[in-house]
Amino acid sequence: MGATFGQDWADSDNDPSGLIASLQERLTEVDKVLGPLENSESWRLQLVEGDGDDFNGMTLKTPAQGKMIWLNKTYLESSHSVGIAKTMVHESSHAVPVRGAGSYTRDFWYMSSLLANTASSEDVEDYMEIHVNRSKLINAQAPVEEGMTPSDRIEYQNLMDKMLTAGQLPKSIDAKERSEIFVEDPAVRQSIVLRNADSLAAFALQFHRPR
């Protein structure tokens, strides 16, 4: 929890029980998407051709069928099952709206590179450790807005400003101020981390890591 949300998550002033409840609720909703993909809603999962560099997975909303998840066939053939599992959680989180918010998880930042299908157990452990270290770095330095897509950046700014105004505070002025708020305000940070798809996927992976 500390690596993902910041070491101050457990402070009584930061409502740790509320954070745990929100996290459990979110992961439960994601699991409701993942489960049917193996059976009754397998048609929502589609393999598409790609060179492996285009994308790993992609969630799309279609007019007739709703949310669909595309997986890059080349990526699947060349990647380790642990990495594929993370991609599935990541994409599934994009497919289910955040309860009460009317919006979906975004890609404010990513956690790691690919894990090849030839990876050893040591490589897998290193891969998992990358996620932990990346999370700690984000918590200490804040996400880099310049690295976000325009739509993700707007959503990031809107989410932060919504939380600030709810607390009777003025909206943020610029990226520098938002970075400071992210690092210094646990409530804002935790809310944003909960809306970042790769953070949820990496957190879920920690509980199912190979032993």
Protein backbone atom coordinates (compact mmCIF):
# COMPACT_ATOMS: atom_id res chain seq x y z
CA MET A 1 0.00 0.00 0.00
CA GLY A 2 2.77 2.40 0.91
CA ALA A 3 4.59 2.01 -2.39
CA THR A 4 1.40 2.50 -4.40
CA PHE A 5 -0.31 5.30 -2.48
CA GLY A 6 2.48 6.87 -0.41
CA GLN A 7 3.87 5.99 2.99
CA ASP A 8 1.42 8.40 4.64
CA TRP A 9 -1.60 6.35 3.51
CA ALA A 10 -1.96 4.69 6.95
CA ASP A 11 -2.00 7.95 8.94
CA SER A 12 -5.32 8.20 10.78
CA ASP A 13 -5.92 11.68 9.34
CA ASN A 14 -5.82 10.23 5.81
CA ASP A 15 -8.76 7.81 6.24
CA PRO A 16 -6.88 4.55 5.56
CA SER A 17 -10.03 2.44 5.96
CA GLY A 18 -11.75 4.56 3.33
CA LEU A 19 -8.86 4.06 0.93
CA ILE A 20 -8.88 0.29 1.45
CA ALA A 21 -12.64 0.19 0.87
CA SER A 22 -12.33 2.22 -2.33
CA LEU A 23 -9.51 0.03 -3.59
CA GLN A 24 -11.38 -3.19 -2.83
CA GLU A 25 -14.50 -1.86 -4.52
CA ARG A 26 -12.56 -0.84 -7.62
CA LEU A 27 -10.75 -4.17 -7.95
CA THR A 28 -14.03 -6.03 -7.44
CA GLU A 29 -15.57 -4.07 -10.30
CA VAL A 30 -12.57 -4.88 -12.50
CA ASP A 31 -12.89 -8.56 -11.61
CA LYS A 32 -16.50 -8.49 -12.79
CA VAL A 33 -15.18 -7.56 -16.22
CA LEU A 34 -12.33 -10.08 -16.22
CA GLY A 35 -14.37 -13.11 -15.16
CA PRO A 36 -16.91 -13.21 -18.01
CA LEU A 37 -14.13 -12.72 -20.59
CA GLU A 38 -13.26 -16.39 -20.09
CA ASN A 39 -16.80 -17.60 -20.80
CA SER A 40 -20.03 -15.78 -21.57
CA GLU A 41 -18.43 -12.57 -22.82
CA SER A 42 -15.32 -13.96 -24.49
CA TRP A 43 -16.46 -12.20 -27.66
CA ARG A 44 -15.46 -8.90 -26.02
CA LEU A 45 -11.81 -10.00 -26.19
CA GLN A 46 -10.32 -9.77 -29.68
CA LEU A 47 -6.84 -10.57 -31.01
CA VAL A 48 -5.54 -8.12 -33.58
CA GLU A 49 -2.45 -8.13 -35.75
CA GLY A 50 0.37 -5.75 -34.91
CA ASP A 51 4.15 -5.52 -34.97
CA GLY A 52 4.43 -5.56 -31.19
CA ASP A 53 5.34 -1.89 -30.94
CA ASP A 54 1.96 -0.40 -31.80
CA PHE A 55 0.24 -1.33 -28.54
CA ASN A 56 -0.11 -4.19 -26.06
CA GLY A 57 -3.81 -3.85 -25.41
CA MET A 58 -6.55 -1.36 -26.11
CA THR A 59 -10.05 -0.81 -24.77
CA LEU A 60 -12.61 0.62 -27.16
CA LYS A 61 -16.24 1.61 -26.87
CA THR A 62 -18.39 0.48 -29.78
CA PRO A 63 -21.94 1.72 -30.48
CA ALA A 64 -23.47 -1.74 -30.78
CA GLN A 65 -21.39 -3.94 -28.46
CA GLY A 66 -20.18 -1.60 -25.76
CA LYS A 67 -16.67 -2.02 -24.39
CA MET A 68 -14.30 -4.27 -26.35
CA ILE A 69 -10.72 -5.22 -25.43
CA TRP A 70 -8.18 -5.68 -28.20
CA LEU A 71 -4.95 -7.54 -27.54
CA ASN A 72 -1.97 -7.40 -29.85
CA LYS A 73 -1.31 -10.93 -31.12
CA THR A 74 2.44 -10.31 -31.45
CA TYR A 75 2.57 -9.00 -27.89
CA LEU A 76 0.79 -12.09 -26.57
CA GLU A 77 3.11 -14.45 -28.41
CA SER A 78 6.26 -12.75 -27.14
CA SER A 79 5.27 -11.88 -23.57
CA HIS A 80 5.37 -13.67 -20.22
CA SER A 81 2.07 -14.67 -18.60
CA VAL A 82 2.71 -12.28 -15.69
CA GLY A 83 2.97 -9.33 -18.05
CA ILE A 84 -0.12 -10.46 -19.95
CA ALA A 85 -2.07 -10.74 -16.68
CA LYS A 86 -1.14 -7.17 -15.83
CA THR A 87 -2.27 -6.00 -19.27
CA MET A 88 -5.63 -7.73 -18.80
CA VAL A 89 -6.24 -6.00 -15.45
CA HIS A 90 -5.11 -2.69 -16.95
CA GLU A 91 -7.48 -2.92 -19.92
CA SER A 92 -10.37 -4.27 -17.86
CA SER A 93 -10.11 -1.25 -15.56
CA HIS A 94 -10.66 0.94 -18.63
CA ALA A 95 -13.85 -1.01 -19.39
CA VAL A 96 -15.75 -0.35 -16.17
CA PRO A 97 -16.64 3.15 -14.91
CA VAL A 98 -15.55 4.35 -11.50
CA ARG A 99 -18.64 4.07 -9.30
CA GLY A 100 -20.20 7.43 -8.56
CA ALA A 101 -17.79 9.30 -10.83
CA GLY A 102 -19.17 8.53 -14.28
CA SER A 103 -15.64 8.27 -15.69
CA TYR A 104 -13.07 5.55 -16.32
CA THR A 105 -9.49 4.92 -15.31
CA ARG A 106 -6.95 6.78 -17.40
CA ASP A 107 -3.30 6.43 -18.40
CA PHE A 108 -1.74 9.23 -16.39
CA TRP A 109 1.50 7.22 -16.21
CA TYR A 110 2.81 3.74 -16.94
CA MET A 111 4.77 1.48 -14.64
CA SER A 112 7.15 -0.76 -16.58
CA SER A 113 8.46 -2.18 -19.82
CA LEU A 114 7.60 -5.56 -21.37
CA LEU A 115 8.36 -8.93 -19.83
CA ALA A 116 9.52 -11.44 -22.46
CA ASN A 117 8.11 -14.96 -22.56
CA THR A 118 11.64 -16.26 -21.97
CA ALA A 119 11.90 -14.43 -18.63
CA SER A 120 13.39 -16.36 -15.73
CA SER A 121 11.96 -16.30 -12.21
CA GLU A 122 14.61 -13.71 -11.36
CA ASP A 123 13.49 -11.59 -14.32
CA VAL A 124 9.91 -11.75 -13.07
CA GLU A 125 10.99 -10.61 -9.60
CA ASP A 126 12.91 -7.73 -11.17
CA TYR A 127 9.83 -6.85 -13.20
CA MET A 128 7.73 -6.74 -10.05
CA GLU A 129 10.33 -4.62 -8.28
CA ILE A 130 10.27 -2.12 -11.15
CA HIS A 131 6.60 -1.51 -10.39
CA VAL A 132 7.33 -0.85 -6.73
CA ASN A 133 10.17 1.55 -7.47
CA ARG A 134 8.22 3.34 -10.18
CA SER A 135 5.30 3.88 -7.79
CA LYS A 136 7.61 5.27 -5.13
CA LEU A 137 9.15 7.65 -7.66
CA ILE A 138 5.76 8.91 -8.81
CA ASN A 139 4.68 9.51 -5.21
CA ALA A 140 7.85 11.47 -4.52
CA GLN A 141 7.98 13.51 -7.73
CA ALA A 142 4.41 13.48 -9.16
CA PRO A 143 3.34 12.43 -12.67
CA VAL A 144 4.84 14.29 -15.63
CA GLU A 145 1.97 16.02 -17.39
CA GLU A 146 4.00 16.54 -20.56
CA GLY A 147 4.13 12.76 -20.95
CA MET A 148 0.33 12.38 -20.93
CA THR A 149 -1.92 12.40 -23.95
CA PRO A 150 -3.95 15.62 -24.28
CA SER A 151 -7.16 13.91 -23.10
CA ASP A 152 -5.45 12.25 -20.12
CA ARG A 153 -3.82 15.52 -19.15
CA ILE A 154 -7.15 17.35 -19.21
CA GLU A 155 -8.74 14.58 -17.13
CA TYR A 156 -5.83 14.73 -14.66
CA GLN A 157 -6.23 18.49 -14.25
CA ASN A 158 -10.01 18.26 -13.96
CA LEU A 159 -9.83 15.49 -11.36
CA MET A 160 -7.41 17.46 -9.22
CA ASP A 161 -9.37 20.70 -9.53
CA LYS A 162 -12.60 18.90 -8.63
CA MET A 163 -11.01 17.65 -5.41
CA LEU A 164 -9.55 21.06 -4.59
CA THR A 165 -12.84 22.92 -5.05
CA ALA A 166 -14.68 20.25 -3.05
CA GLY A 167 -12.35 21.15 -0.19
CA GLN A 168 -13.10 24.87 -0.62
CA LEU A 169 -9.71 25.48 -2.23
CA PRO A 170 -8.98 27.34 -5.48
CA LYS A 171 -8.28 25.44 -8.69
CA SER A 172 -4.67 24.72 -9.58
CA ILE A 173 -2.68 27.31 -11.50
CA ASP A 174 -0.19 25.24 -13.48
CA ALA A 175 1.64 21.90 -13.75
CA LYS A 176 4.22 22.92 -11.13
CA GLU A 177 1.54 23.62 -8.54
CA ARG A 178 -0.28 20.39 -9.39
CA SER A 179 2.95 18.45 -8.86
CA GLU A 180 3.34 20.00 -5.42
CA ILE A 181 -0.28 19.22 -4.52
CA PHE A 182 0.07 15.60 -5.67
CA VAL A 183 3.14 15.05 -3.50
CA GLU A 184 1.87 16.94 -0.45
CA ASP A 185 -1.87 16.13 -0.36
CA PRO A 186 -2.54 12.44 0.40
CA ALA A 187 -6.25 12.61 -0.47
CA VAL A 188 -5.57 14.07 -3.92
CA ARG A 189 -2.73 11.63 -4.57
CA GLN A 190 -4.72 8.58 -3.52
CA SER A 191 -7.69 9.55 -5.66
CA ILE A 192 -5.52 10.02 -8.73
CA VAL A 193 -3.63 6.75 -8.19
CA LEU A 194 -6.98 4.94 -7.98
CA ARG A 195 -7.83 6.37 -11.40
CA ASN A 196 -4.55 5.29 -13.03
CA ALA A 197 -4.97 1.96 -14.84
CA ASP A 198 -1.37 0.78 -14.55
CA SER A 199 -1.27 1.51 -10.82
CA LEU A 200 -4.33 -0.68 -10.23
CA ALA A 201 -2.89 -3.43 -12.42
CA ALA A 202 0.49 -3.32 -10.69
CA PHE A 203 -1.12 -3.38 -7.25
CA ALA A 204 -3.28 -6.39 -8.16
CA LEU A 205 -0.22 -8.17 -9.51
CA GLN A 206 1.56 -7.95 -6.17
CA PHE A 207 -1.03 -10.31 -4.66
CA HIS A 208 -0.66 -12.90 -7.40
CA ARG A 209 3.06 -12.82 -7.96
CA PRO A 210 4.88 -16.12 -8.52
CA ARG A 211 6.51 -17.63 -5.43
